[in-house]
Amino acid sequence: MEFKNPSTRILLLCWLALMILTVGTMLSGRVTSETALSSGLIISLGIITWFKSMLILRYYLNLRTASRGWNRAFNSYLFVVLGIVTLIFLLGK
């Protein structure tokens, strides 16, 4: 396994992407509205959360330098957990 720290530029671009995705989360979650979320918005929240989680895991926790097995394991675990949470929200709607 070759350990390589991400550059400052990469980390800043990742941070910018996380901020943009946070705004997307706020818009999809309708943070200023008291109305219930539609199924599409709940699914979009799950997808945005998955992308944000992957950015944090890959660049800030440097998982991209780990073996392919670890990457698949984290991807699968994250997909299952977010899928279950999204499904619970959809069933409770």
PDB file of N, CA and C in Angstrom:
ATOM      1  N   MET A   1       0.852  -1.167   0.000  1.00  0.00           N
ATOM      2  CA  MET A   1       0.000   0.000   0.000  1.00  0.00           C
ATOM      3  C   MET A   1       0.903   1.237   0.000  1.00  0.00           C
ATOM      4  N   GLU A   2       0.631   2.124  -0.939  1.00  0.00           N
ATOM      5  CA  GLU A   2       1.404   3.346  -1.042  1.00  0.00           C
ATOM      6  C   GLU A   2       0.652   4.483  -0.362  1.00  0.00           C
ATOM      7  N   PHE A   3       1.263   5.061   0.671  1.00  0.00           N
ATOM      8  CA  PHE A   3       0.623   6.138   1.410  1.00  0.00           C
ATOM      9  C   PHE A   3       1.002   7.465   0.798  1.00  0.00           C
ATOM     10  N   LYS A   4      -0.015   8.230   0.403  1.00  0.00           N
ATOM     11  CA  LYS A   4       0.230   9.536  -0.195  1.00  0.00           C
ATOM     12  C   LYS A   4      -0.821  10.506   0.317  1.00  0.00           C
ATOM     13  N   ASN A   5      -0.376  11.570   0.958  1.00  0.00           N
ATOM     14  CA  ASN A   5      -1.301  12.584   1.448  1.00  0.00           C
ATOM     15  C   ASN A   5      -1.854  13.395   0.281  1.00  0.00           C
ATOM     16  N   PRO A   6      -3.145  13.767   0.354  1.00  0.00           N
ATOM     17  CA  PRO A   6      -3.685  14.638  -0.691  1.00  0.00           C
ATOM     18  C   PRO A   6      -3.099  16.047  -0.584  1.00  0.00           C
ATOM     19  N   SER A   7      -2.989  16.695  -1.721  1.00  0.00           N
ATOM     20  CA  SER A   7      -2.423  18.046  -1.725  1.00  0.00           C
ATOM     21  C   SER A   7      -3.422  19.033  -1.122  1.00  0.00           C
ATOM     22  N   THR A   8      -2.903  20.201  -0.775  1.00  0.00           N
ATOM     23  CA  THR A   8      -3.755  21.255  -0.229  1.00  0.00           C
ATOM     24  C   THR A   8      -4.814  21.664  -1.240  1.00  0.00           C
ATOM     25  N   ARG A   9      -4.445  21.714  -2.500  1.00  0.00           N
ATOM     26  CA  ARG A   9      -5.391  22.081  -3.565  1.00  0.00           C
ATOM     27  C   ARG A   9      -6.550  21.082  -3.624  1.00  0.00           C
ATOM     28  N   ILE A  10      -6.228  19.810  -3.570  1.00  0.00           N
ATOM     29  CA  ILE A  10      -7.261  18.774  -3.603  1.00  0.00           C
ATOM     30  C   ILE A  10      -8.182  18.897  -2.394  1.00  0.00           C
ATOM     31  N   LEU A  11      -7.608  19.127  -1.226  1.00  0.00           N
ATOM     32  CA  LEU A  11      -8.425  19.267  -0.022  1.00  0.00           C
ATOM     33  C   LEU A  11      -9.317  20.499  -0.084  1.00  0.00           C
ATOM     34  N   LEU A  12      -8.814  21.597  -0.652  1.00  0.00           N
ATOM     35  CA  LEU A  12      -9.641  22.792  -0.795  1.00  0.00           C
ATOM     36  C   LEU A  12     -10.766  22.578  -1.801  1.00  0.00           C
ATOM     37  N   LEU A  13     -10.487  21.883  -2.903  1.00  0.00           N
ATOM     38  CA  LEU A  13     -11.535  21.566  -3.873  1.00  0.00           C
ATOM     39  C   LEU A  13     -12.578  20.632  -3.260  1.00  0.00           C
ATOM     40  N   CYS A  14     -12.127  19.695  -2.454  1.00  0.00           N
ATOM     41  CA  CYS A  14     -13.043  18.792  -1.752  1.00  0.00           C
ATOM     42  C   CYS A  14     -13.909  19.585  -0.779  1.00  0.00           C
ATOM     43  N   TRP A  15     -13.303  20.512  -0.066  1.00  0.00           N
ATOM     44  CA  TRP A  15     -14.064  21.353   0.866  1.00  0.00           C
ATOM     45  C   TRP A  15     -15.109  22.172   0.116  1.00  0.00           C
ATOM     46  N   LEU A  16     -14.731  22.733  -1.032  1.00  0.00           N
ATOM     47  CA  LEU A  16     -15.672  23.513  -1.832  1.00  0.00           C
ATOM     48  C   LEU A  16     -16.834  22.633  -2.306  1.00  0.00           C
ATOM     49  N   ALA A  17     -16.523  21.421  -2.744  1.00  0.00           N
ATOM     50  CA  ALA A  17     -17.578  20.489  -3.161  1.00  0.00           C
ATOM     51  C   ALA A  17     -18.494  20.151  -1.985  1.00  0.00           C
ATOM     52  N   LEU A  18     -17.918  19.977  -0.804  1.00  0.00           N
ATOM     53  CA  LEU A  18     -18.731  19.692   0.381  1.00  0.00           C
ATOM     54  C   LEU A  18     -19.654  20.860   0.719  1.00  0.00           C
ATOM     55  N   MET A  19     -19.182  22.083   0.551  1.00  0.00           N
ATOM     56  CA  MET A  19     -20.017  23.258   0.818  1.00  0.00           C
ATOM     57  C   MET A  19     -21.158  23.354  -0.198  1.00  0.00           C
ATOM     58  N   ILE A  20     -20.859  23.069  -1.463  1.00  0.00           N
ATOM     59  CA  ILE A  20     -21.901  23.089  -2.493  1.00  0.00           C
ATOM     60  C   ILE A  20     -22.930  22.001  -2.222  1.00  0.00           C
ATOM     61  N   LEU A  21     -22.460  20.818  -1.848  1.00  0.00           N
ATOM     62  CA  LEU A  21     -23.383  19.726  -1.520  1.00  0.00           C
ATOM     63  C   LEU A  21     -24.203  20.040  -0.270  1.00  0.00           C
ATOM     64  N   THR A  22     -23.633  20.796   0.659  1.00  0.00           N
ATOM     65  CA  THR A  22     -24.384  21.204   1.846  1.00  0.00           C
ATOM     66  C   THR A  22     -25.529  22.130   1.462  1.00  0.00           C
ATOM     67  N   VAL A  23     -25.271  23.048   0.543  1.00  0.00           N
ATOM     68  CA  VAL A  23     -26.347  23.909   0.049  1.00  0.00           C
ATOM     69  C   VAL A  23     -27.406  23.066  -0.652  1.00  0.00           C
ATOM     70  N   GLY A  24     -26.966  22.060  -1.418  1.00  0.00           N
ATOM     71  CA  GLY A  24     -27.910  21.142  -2.051  1.00  0.00           C
ATOM     72  C   GLY A  24     -28.746  20.391  -1.032  1.00  0.00           C
ATOM     73  N   THR A  25     -28.134  20.004   0.071  1.00  0.00           N
ATOM     74  CA  THR A  25     -28.868  19.332   1.149  1.00  0.00           C
ATOM     75  C   THR A  25     -29.904  20.267   1.750  1.00  0.00           C
ATOM     76  N   MET A  26     -29.529  21.522   1.953  1.00  0.00           N
ATOM     77  CA  MET A  26     -30.463  22.490   2.521  1.00  0.00           C
ATOM     78  C   MET A  26     -31.643  22.732   1.586  1.00  0.00           C
ATOM     79  N   LEU A  27     -31.380  22.806   0.298  1.00  0.00           N
ATOM     80  CA  LEU A  27     -32.457  23.020  -0.656  1.00  0.00           C
ATOM     81  C   LEU A  27     -33.357  21.790  -0.773  1.00  0.00           C
ATOM     82  N   SER A  28     -32.755  20.611  -0.838  1.00  0.00           N
ATOM     83  CA  SER A  28     -33.540  19.379  -0.935  1.00  0.00           C
ATOM     84  C   SER A  28     -34.334  19.105   0.331  1.00  0.00           C
ATOM     85  N   GLY A  29     -33.754  19.471   1.471  1.00  0.00           N
ATOM     86  CA  GLY A  29     -34.424  19.236   2.742  1.00  0.00           C
ATOM     87  C   GLY A  29     -35.413  20.310   3.113  1.00  0.00           C
ATOM     88  N   ARG A  30     -35.463  21.352   2.306  1.00  0.00           N
ATOM     89  CA  ARG A  30     -36.379  22.473   2.542  1.00  0.00           C
ATOM     90  C   ARG A  30     -36.326  22.934   3.995  1.00  0.00           C
ATOM     91  N   VAL A  31     -35.161  23.393   4.397  1.00  0.00           N
ATOM     92  CA  VAL A  31     -34.928  23.733   5.799  1.00  0.00           C
ATOM     93  C   VAL A  31     -35.772  24.891   6.296  1.00  0.00           C
ATOM     94  N   THR A  32     -36.271  25.731   5.405  1.00  0.00           N
ATOM     95  CA  THR A  32     -37.074  26.867   5.847  1.00  0.00           C
ATOM     96  C   THR A  32     -38.573  26.618   5.715  1.00  0.00           C
ATOM     97  N   SER A  33     -38.955  25.444   5.287  1.00  0.00           N
ATOM     98  CA  SER A  33     -40.359  25.132   5.066  1.00  0.00           C
ATOM     99  C   SER A  33     -40.845  24.115   6.093  1.00  0.00           C
ATOM    100  N   GLU A  34     -42.094  24.203   6.426  1.00  0.00           N
ATOM    101  CA  GLU A  34     -42.667  23.265   7.395  1.00  0.00           C
ATOM    102  C   GLU A  34     -43.459  22.146   6.713  1.00  0.00           C
ATOM    103  N   THR A  35     -43.425  22.079   5.393  1.00  0.00           N
ATOM    104  CA  THR A  35     -44.152  21.041   4.677  1.00  0.00           C
ATOM    105  C   THR A  35     -43.362  19.745   4.675  1.00  0.00           C
ATOM    106  N   ALA A  36     -44.077  18.640   4.491  1.00  0.00           N
ATOM    107  CA  ALA A  36     -43.439  17.322   4.448  1.00  0.00           C
ATOM    108  C   ALA A  36     -42.653  17.169   3.146  1.00  0.00           C
ATOM    109  N   LEU A  37     -41.603  16.390   3.200  1.00  0.00           N
ATOM    110  CA  LEU A  37     -40.774  16.160   2.022  1.00  0.00           C
ATOM    111  C   LEU A  37     -41.394  15.086   1.136  1.00  0.00           C
ATOM    112  N   SER A  38     -41.250  15.271  -0.163  1.00  0.00           N
ATOM    113  CA  SER A  38     -41.730  14.253  -1.100  1.00  0.00           C
ATOM    114  C   SER A  38     -40.716  13.112  -1.160  1.00  0.00           C
ATOM    115  N   SER A  39     -41.124  12.021  -1.769  1.00  0.00           N
ATOM    116  CA  SER A  39     -40.229  10.860  -1.885  1.00  0.00           C
ATOM    117  C   SER A  39     -38.979  11.202  -2.682  1.00  0.00           C
ATOM    118  N   GLY A  40     -39.138  11.993  -3.732  1.00  0.00           N
ATOM    119  CA  GLY A  40     -37.982  12.385  -4.541  1.00  0.00           C
ATOM    120  C   GLY A  40     -36.968  13.191  -3.759  1.00  0.00           C
ATOM    121  N   LEU A  41     -37.453  14.080  -2.914  1.00  0.00           N
ATOM    122  CA  LEU A  41     -36.538  14.887  -2.097  1.00  0.00           C
ATOM    123  C   LEU A  41     -35.824  14.031  -1.059  1.00  0.00           C
ATOM    124  N   ILE A  42     -36.519  13.069  -0.497  1.00  0.00           N
ATOM    125  CA  ILE A  42     -35.882  12.179   0.479  1.00  0.00           C
ATOM    126  C   ILE A  42     -34.788  11.351  -0.190  1.00  0.00           C
ATOM    127  N   ILE A  43     -35.070  10.863  -1.388  1.00  0.00           N
ATOM    128  CA  ILE A  43     -34.066  10.090  -2.121  1.00  0.00           C
ATOM    129  C   ILE A  43     -32.886  10.983  -2.493  1.00  0.00           C
ATOM    130  N   SER A  44     -33.147  12.220  -2.916  1.00  0.00           N
ATOM    131  CA  SER A  44     -32.041  13.126  -3.253  1.00  0.00           C
ATOM    132  C   SER A  44     -31.188  13.440  -2.030  1.00  0.00           C
ATOM    133  N   LEU A  45     -31.808  13.556  -0.860  1.00  0.00           N
ATOM    134  CA  LEU A  45     -31.036  13.760   0.371  1.00  0.00           C
ATOM    135  C   LEU A  45     -30.109  12.576   0.636  1.00  0.00           C
ATOM    136  N   GLY A  46     -30.611  11.362   0.418  1.00  0.00           N
ATOM    137  CA  GLY A  46     -29.774  10.173   0.598  1.00  0.00           C
ATOM    138  C   GLY A  46     -28.600  10.144  -0.361  1.00  0.00           C
ATOM    139  N   ILE A  47     -28.834  10.521  -1.615  1.00  0.00           N
ATOM    140  CA  ILE A  47     -27.766  10.524  -2.620  1.00  0.00           C
ATOM    141  C   ILE A  47     -26.730  11.597  -2.305  1.00  0.00           C
ATOM    142  N   ILE A  48     -27.183  12.789  -1.942  1.00  0.00           N
ATOM    143  CA  ILE A  48     -26.248  13.858  -1.600  1.00  0.00           C
ATOM    144  C   ILE A  48     -25.424  13.467  -0.365  1.00  0.00           C
ATOM    145  N   THR A  49     -26.070  12.854   0.609  1.00  0.00           N
ATOM    146  CA  THR A  49     -25.355  12.413   1.812  1.00  0.00           C
ATOM    147  C   THR A  49     -24.308  11.372   1.464  1.00  0.00           C
ATOM    148  N   TRP A  50     -24.627  10.470   0.525  1.00  0.00           N
ATOM    149  CA  TRP A  50     -23.667   9.450   0.112  1.00  0.00           C
ATOM    150  C   TRP A  50     -22.446  10.118  -0.532  1.00  0.00           C
ATOM    151  N   PHE A  51     -22.676  11.082  -1.432  1.00  0.00           N
ATOM    152  CA  PHE A  51     -21.554  11.772  -2.071  1.00  0.00           C
ATOM    153  C   PHE A  51     -20.695  12.509  -1.052  1.00  0.00           C
ATOM    154  N   LYS A  52     -21.326  13.191  -0.109  1.00  0.00           N
ATOM    155  CA  LYS A  52     -20.567  13.903   0.912  1.00  0.00           C
ATOM    156  C   LYS A  52     -19.752  12.937   1.763  1.00  0.00           C
ATOM    157  N   SER A  53     -20.351  11.830   2.137  1.00  0.00           N
ATOM    158  CA  SER A  53     -19.643  10.835   2.945  1.00  0.00           C
ATOM    159  C   SER A  53     -18.452  10.264   2.196  1.00  0.00           C
ATOM    160  N   MET A  54     -18.628  10.009   0.901  1.00  0.00           N
ATOM    161  CA  MET A  54     -17.532   9.454   0.119  1.00  0.00           C
ATOM    162  C   MET A  54     -16.380  10.459  -0.021  1.00  0.00           C
ATOM    163  N   LEU A  55     -16.701  11.733  -0.178  1.00  0.00           N
ATOM    164  CA  LEU A  55     -15.635  12.736  -0.246  1.00  0.00           C
ATOM    165  C   LEU A  55     -14.839  12.771   1.054  1.00  0.00           C
ATOM    166  N   ILE A  56     -15.540  12.733   2.168  1.00  0.00           N
ATOM    167  CA  ILE A  56     -14.860  12.765   3.462  1.00  0.00           C
ATOM    168  C   ILE A  56     -14.005  11.516   3.650  1.00  0.00           C
ATOM    169  N   LEU A  57     -14.571  10.347   3.334  1.00  0.00           N
ATOM    170  CA  LEU A  57     -13.812   9.103   3.486  1.00  0.00           C
ATOM    171  C   LEU A  57     -12.606   9.050   2.556  1.00  0.00           C
ATOM    172  N   ARG A  58     -12.788   9.426   1.309  1.00  0.00           N
ATOM    173  CA  ARG A  58     -11.717   9.286   0.328  1.00  0.00           C
ATOM    174  C   ARG A  58     -10.592  10.312   0.510  1.00  0.00           C
ATOM    175  N   TYR A  59     -10.936  11.545   0.839  1.00  0.00           N
ATOM    176  CA  TYR A  59      -9.898  12.574   0.848  1.00  0.00           C
ATOM    177  C   TYR A  59      -9.469  12.997   2.246  1.00  0.00           C
ATOM    178  N   TYR A  60     -10.392  13.203   3.152  1.00  0.00           N
ATOM    179  CA  TYR A  60      -9.994  13.648   4.491  1.00  0.00           C
ATOM    180  C   TYR A  60      -9.520  12.485   5.359  1.00  0.00           C
ATOM    181  N   LEU A  61     -10.105  11.308   5.166  1.00  0.00           N
ATOM    182  CA  LEU A  61      -9.615  10.134   5.890  1.00  0.00           C
ATOM    183  C   LEU A  61      -8.662   9.300   5.041  1.00  0.00           C
ATOM    184  N   ASN A  62      -8.410   9.760   3.800  1.00  0.00           N
ATOM    185  CA  ASN A  62      -7.427   9.185   2.876  1.00  0.00           C
ATOM    186  C   ASN A  62      -7.689   7.707   2.565  1.00  0.00           C
ATOM    187  N   LEU A  63      -8.957   7.345   2.452  1.00  0.00           N
ATOM    188  CA  LEU A  63      -9.310   5.965   2.131  1.00  0.00           C
ATOM    189  C   LEU A  63      -8.933   5.606   0.701  1.00  0.00           C
ATOM    190  N   ARG A  64      -8.721   6.593  -0.144  1.00  0.00           N
ATOM    191  CA  ARG A  64      -8.386   6.307  -1.530  1.00  0.00           C
ATOM    192  C   ARG A  64      -7.050   5.584  -1.663  1.00  0.00           C
ATOM    193  N   THR A  65      -6.203   5.656  -0.639  1.00  0.00           N
ATOM    194  CA  THR A  65      -4.926   4.941  -0.679  1.00  0.00           C
ATOM    195  C   THR A  65      -5.043   3.534  -0.117  1.00  0.00           C
ATOM    196  N   ALA A  66      -6.192   3.183   0.421  1.00  0.00           N
ATOM    197  CA  ALA A  66      -6.388   1.841   0.976  1.00  0.00           C
ATOM    198  C   ALA A  66      -6.595   0.841  -0.160  1.00  0.00           C
ATOM    199  N   SER A  67      -6.581  -0.405   0.195  1.00  0.00           N
ATOM    200  CA  SER A  67      -6.757  -1.451  -0.819  1.00  0.00           C
ATOM    201  C   SER A  67      -8.173  -1.422  -1.385  1.00  0.00           C
ATOM    202  N   ARG A  68      -8.332  -2.064  -2.527  1.00  0.00           N
ATOM    203  CA  ARG A  68      -9.627  -2.113  -3.191  1.00  0.00           C
ATOM    204  C   ARG A  68     -10.686  -2.772  -2.306  1.00  0.00           C
ATOM    205  N   GLY A  69     -10.295  -3.750  -1.518  1.00  0.00           N
ATOM    206  CA  GLY A  69     -11.223  -4.429  -0.618  1.00  0.00           C
ATOM    207  C   GLY A  69     -11.800  -3.494   0.438  1.00  0.00           C
ATOM    208  N   TRP A  70     -10.927  -2.683   1.036  1.00  0.00           N
ATOM    209  CA  TRP A  70     -11.401  -1.717   2.031  1.00  0.00           C
ATOM    210  C   TRP A  70     -12.320  -0.687   1.393  1.00  0.00           C
ATOM    211  N   ASN A  71     -11.989  -0.222   0.202  1.00  0.00           N
ATOM    212  CA  ASN A  71     -12.848   0.735  -0.493  1.00  0.00           C
ATOM    213  C   ASN A  71     -14.221   0.149  -0.772  1.00  0.00           C
ATOM    214  N   ARG A  72     -14.255  -1.072  -1.250  1.00  0.00           N
ATOM    215  CA  ARG A  72     -15.542  -1.730  -1.513  1.00  0.00           C
ATOM    216  C   ARG A  72     -16.326  -1.947  -0.226  1.00  0.00           C
ATOM    217  N   ALA A  73     -15.626  -2.325   0.838  1.00  0.00           N
ATOM    218  CA  ALA A  73     -16.311  -2.563   2.113  1.00  0.00           C
ATOM    219  C   ALA A  73     -16.946  -1.273   2.638  1.00  0.00           C
ATOM    220  N   PHE A  74     -16.211  -0.176   2.608  1.00  0.00           N
ATOM    221  CA  PHE A  74     -16.764   1.090   3.084  1.00  0.00           C
ATOM    222  C   PHE A  74     -17.891   1.579   2.180  1.00  0.00           C
ATOM    223  N   ASN A  75     -17.718   1.447   0.861  1.00  0.00           N
ATOM    224  CA  ASN A  75     -18.778   1.827  -0.067  1.00  0.00           C
ATOM    225  C   ASN A  75     -20.051   1.033   0.196  1.00  0.00           C
ATOM    226  N   SER A  76     -19.901  -0.269   0.353  1.00  0.00           N
ATOM    227  CA  SER A  76     -21.057  -1.126   0.590  1.00  0.00           C
ATOM    228  C   SER A  76     -21.728  -0.809   1.918  1.00  0.00           C
ATOM    229  N   TYR A  77     -20.935  -0.657   2.958  1.00  0.00           N
ATOM    230  CA  TYR A  77     -21.484  -0.348   4.278  1.00  0.00           C
ATOM    231  C   TYR A  77     -22.242   0.974   4.249  1.00  0.00           C
ATOM    232  N   LEU A  78     -21.642   1.980   3.655  1.00  0.00           N
ATOM    233  CA  LEU A  78     -22.277   3.285   3.564  1.00  0.00           C
ATOM    234  C   LEU A  78     -23.560   3.225   2.746  1.00  0.00           C
ATOM    235  N   PHE A  79     -23.527   2.493   1.635  1.00  0.00           N
ATOM    236  CA  PHE A  79     -24.709   2.350   0.789  1.00  0.00           C
ATOM    237  C   PHE A  79     -25.840   1.664   1.548  1.00  0.00           C
ATOM    238  N   VAL A  80     -25.521   0.609   2.284  1.00  0.00           N
ATOM    239  CA  VAL A  80     -26.547  -0.125   3.039  1.00  0.00           C
ATOM    240  C   VAL A  80     -27.128   0.742   4.159  1.00  0.00           C
ATOM    241  N   VAL A  81     -26.287   1.403   4.923  1.00  0.00           N
ATOM    242  CA  VAL A  81     -26.773   2.231   6.036  1.00  0.00           C
ATOM    243  C   VAL A  81     -27.638   3.378   5.525  1.00  0.00           C
ATOM    244  N   LEU A  82     -27.160   4.095   4.504  1.00  0.00           N
ATOM    245  CA  LEU A  82     -27.959   5.194   3.963  1.00  0.00           C
ATOM    246  C   LEU A  82     -29.228   4.687   3.288  1.00  0.00           C
ATOM    247  N   GLY A  83     -29.153   3.508   2.667  1.00  0.00           N
ATOM    248  CA  GLY A  83     -30.344   2.912   2.071  1.00  0.00           C
ATOM    249  C   GLY A  83     -31.395   2.580   3.119  1.00  0.00           C
ATOM    250  N   ILE A  84     -30.961   2.036   4.246  1.00  0.00           N
ATOM    251  CA  ILE A  84     -31.893   1.699   5.323  1.00  0.00           C
ATOM    252  C   ILE A  84     -32.521   2.963   5.904  1.00  0.00           C
ATOM    253  N   VAL A  85     -31.710   3.995   6.140  1.00  0.00           N
ATOM    254  CA  VAL A  85     -32.233   5.247   6.683  1.00  0.00           C
ATOM    255  C   VAL A  85     -33.224   5.880   5.709  1.00  0.00           C
ATOM    256  N   THR A  86     -32.886   5.892   4.424  1.00  0.00           N
ATOM    257  CA  THR A  86     -33.796   6.446   3.423  1.00  0.00           C
ATOM    258  C   THR A  86     -35.080   5.646   3.353  1.00  0.00           C
ATOM    259  N   LEU A  87     -34.969   4.330   3.405  1.00  0.00           N
ATOM    260  CA  LEU A  87     -36.144   3.467   3.369  1.00  0.00           C
ATOM    261  C   LEU A  87     -37.043   3.698   4.583  1.00  0.00           C
ATOM    262  N   ILE A  88     -36.452   3.880   5.748  1.00  0.00           N
ATOM    263  CA  ILE A  88     -37.240   4.154   6.956  1.00  0.00           C
ATOM    264  C   ILE A  88     -38.015   5.468   6.797  1.00  0.00           C
ATOM    265  N   PHE A  89     -37.341   6.483   6.263  1.00  0.00           N
ATOM    266  CA  PHE A  89     -38.027   7.759   6.031  1.00  0.00           C
ATOM    267  C   PHE A  89     -39.159   7.611   5.019  1.00  0.00           C
ATOM    268  N   LEU A  90     -38.916   6.836   3.962  1.00  0.00           N
ATOM    269  CA  LEU A  90     -39.958   6.659   2.944  1.00  0.00           C
ATOM    270  C   LEU A  90     -41.130   5.874   3.476  1.00  0.00           C
ATOM    271  N   LEU A  91     -40.861   4.875   4.313  1.00  0.00           N
ATOM    272  CA  LEU A  91     -41.973   4.080   4.895  1.00  0.00           C
ATOM    273  C   LEU A  91     -42.751   4.886   5.912  1.00  0.00           C
ATOM    274  N   GLY A  92     -42.089   5.798   6.610  1.00  0.00           N
ATOM    275  CA  GLY A  92     -42.755   6.598   7.629  1.00  0.00           C
ATOM    276  C   GLY A  92     -43.522   7.775   7.044  1.00  0.00           C
ATOM    277  N   LYS A  93     -43.352   7.998   5.782  1.00  0.00           N
ATOM    278  CA  LYS A  93     -43.996   9.140   5.132  1.00  0.00           C
ATOM    279  C   LYS A  93     -45.447   8.912   4.897  1.00  0.00           C
TER     280      LYS A  93
END
